């Protein structure tokens, strides 16, 4: 499975899980979660690196905490682009982005193929 496809599937599932766990996040259907996962994956692949470079001085001054704001901005942009996906408030957006990242990382580590070690 391609790395980008794996990230898409993991982000989609993470969005669905986090929307189920938190009341400030809503997803209308599994299809909307799947589309939001795709959009979030593309934003993280294209927009996030640009934002990281542009905001590097702020990130250094805040000892890396501004990176959470960048993640929240990417999630807010995703919510703005997808009608069936919504996040209410900046605090919820920051918390949701952290949990989506954690859940997505766990899902990717489970689904990622491991090389076989033959002796």
Protein backbone atom coordinates (compact mmCIF):
# COMPACT_ATOMS: atom_id res chain seq x y z
CA UNK A 1 0.00 0.00 0.00
CA UNK A 2 1.35 3.43 -0.94
CA UNK A 3 2.42 5.70 1.89
CA UNK A 4 0.02 8.43 0.78
CA UNK A 5 -2.91 6.00 0.60
CA UNK A 6 -2.02 4.60 4.02
CA UNK A 7 -1.97 8.12 5.44
CA UNK A 8 -5.32 8.86 3.77
CA UNK A 9 -6.96 5.78 5.28
CA UNK A 10 -5.44 6.47 8.70
CA UNK A 11 -6.50 10.13 8.67
CA UNK A 12 -10.03 9.18 7.61
CA UNK A 13 -10.37 6.64 10.40
CA UNK A 14 -8.81 9.05 12.90
CA UNK A 15 -11.27 11.79 11.96
CA UNK A 16 -14.15 9.35 12.40
CA UNK A 17 -12.86 8.19 15.82
CA UNK A 18 -12.16 11.69 17.12
CA UNK A 19 -15.57 12.93 15.93
CA UNK A 20 -17.16 10.04 17.84
CA UNK A 21 -15.19 10.86 21.03
CA UNK A 22 -15.48 14.67 21.10
CA UNK A 23 -18.65 16.73 20.93
CA UNK A 24 -16.99 19.76 19.30
CA UNK A 25 -16.21 17.79 16.15
CA UNK A 26 -18.88 16.48 13.81
CA UNK A 27 -18.83 14.31 10.71
CA UNK A 28 -22.07 13.79 8.82
CA UNK A 29 -21.17 10.38 7.38
CA UNK A 30 -18.35 7.94 6.81
CA UNK A 31 -18.07 9.29 3.25
CA UNK A 32 -17.50 12.79 4.59
CA UNK A 33 -14.83 11.45 6.95
CA UNK A 34 -13.18 9.69 4.01
CA UNK A 35 -13.20 12.87 1.90
CA UNK A 36 -12.01 14.95 4.87
CA UNK A 37 -9.18 12.44 5.37
CA UNK A 38 -8.16 12.87 1.74
CA UNK A 39 -8.25 16.66 1.95
CA UNK A 40 -6.34 16.65 5.26
CA UNK A 41 -3.72 14.33 3.78
CA UNK A 42 -3.25 16.60 0.78
CA UNK A 43 -3.12 19.74 2.92
CA UNK A 44 -0.57 18.11 5.21
CA UNK A 45 1.51 17.09 2.20
CA UNK A 46 1.37 20.42 0.35
CA UNK A 47 0.39 23.33 2.62
CA UNK A 48 1.87 22.28 5.98
CA UNK A 49 5.52 22.23 4.84
CA UNK A 50 5.12 25.76 3.46
CA UNK A 51 3.55 26.96 6.72
CA UNK A 52 6.29 25.29 8.77
CA UNK A 53 9.01 27.09 6.81
CA UNK A 54 7.22 30.45 6.88
CA UNK A 55 6.54 30.29 10.63
CA UNK A 56 9.87 28.78 11.69
CA UNK A 57 10.96 31.84 13.73
CA UNK A 58 7.69 31.81 15.69
CA UNK A 59 7.97 28.05 16.21
CA UNK A 60 11.52 28.41 17.53
CA UNK A 61 10.56 31.27 19.88
CA UNK A 62 7.62 29.25 21.26
CA UNK A 63 9.83 26.17 21.64
CA UNK A 64 7.79 24.24 19.08
CA UNK A 65 4.35 24.94 20.52
CA UNK A 66 3.34 26.95 17.46
CA UNK A 67 3.45 23.69 15.51
CA UNK A 68 0.16 22.80 17.22
CA UNK A 69 -1.36 25.98 15.78
CA UNK A 70 -0.14 24.98 12.31
CA UNK A 71 -1.77 21.57 12.69
CA UNK A 72 -4.98 23.20 13.88
CA UNK A 73 -4.92 25.60 10.92
CA UNK A 74 -4.63 22.65 8.52
CA UNK A 75 -7.56 20.95 10.23
CA UNK A 76 -9.61 24.18 10.19
CA UNK A 77 -8.92 24.56 6.46
CA UNK A 78 -10.08 20.99 5.93
CA UNK A 79 -13.28 21.65 7.90
CA UNK A 80 -13.91 24.78 5.85
CA UNK A 81 -13.54 22.89 2.57
CA UNK A 82 -15.72 19.87 3.50
CA UNK A 83 -19.43 20.54 4.14
CA UNK A 84 -20.06 17.40 6.21
CA UNK A 85 -17.08 17.97 8.55
CA UNK A 86 -17.04 20.70 11.22
CA UNK A 87 -14.92 21.68 14.19
CA UNK A 88 -16.20 24.34 16.58
CA UNK A 89 -13.75 26.79 18.18
CA UNK A 90 -9.98 27.09 18.12
CA UNK A 91 -9.45 25.15 21.34
CA UNK A 92 -11.44 22.20 19.98
CA UNK A 93 -9.53 22.47 16.71
CA UNK A 94 -6.15 22.31 18.46
CA UNK A 95 -7.21 19.40 20.67
CA UNK A 96 -8.78 17.58 17.72
CA UNK A 97 -5.66 18.03 15.58
CA UNK A 98 -3.49 16.55 18.33
CA UNK A 99 -5.80 13.55 18.78
CA UNK A 100 -6.19 13.02 15.03
CA UNK A 101 -2.40 12.98 14.72
CA UNK A 102 -2.06 10.48 17.56
CA UNK A 103 -4.81 8.15 16.34
CA UNK A 104 -3.55 8.38 12.75
CA UNK A 105 -0.02 7.50 13.85
CA UNK A 106 -1.27 4.48 15.79
CA UNK A 107 -3.37 3.29 12.84
CA UNK A 108 -0.45 3.73 10.44
CA UNK A 109 1.88 1.77 12.70
CA UNK A 110 -0.62 -1.09 12.80
CA UNK A 111 -1.31 -1.12 9.05
CA UNK A 112 2.24 -0.49 7.84
CA UNK A 113 3.78 -3.61 6.34
CA UNK A 114 6.86 -4.81 8.16
CA UNK A 115 9.82 -6.32 6.34
CA UNK A 116 10.24 -10.00 6.96
CA UNK A 117 13.54 -11.07 8.44
CA UNK A 118 14.48 -14.41 6.99
CA UNK A 119 17.51 -16.21 8.23
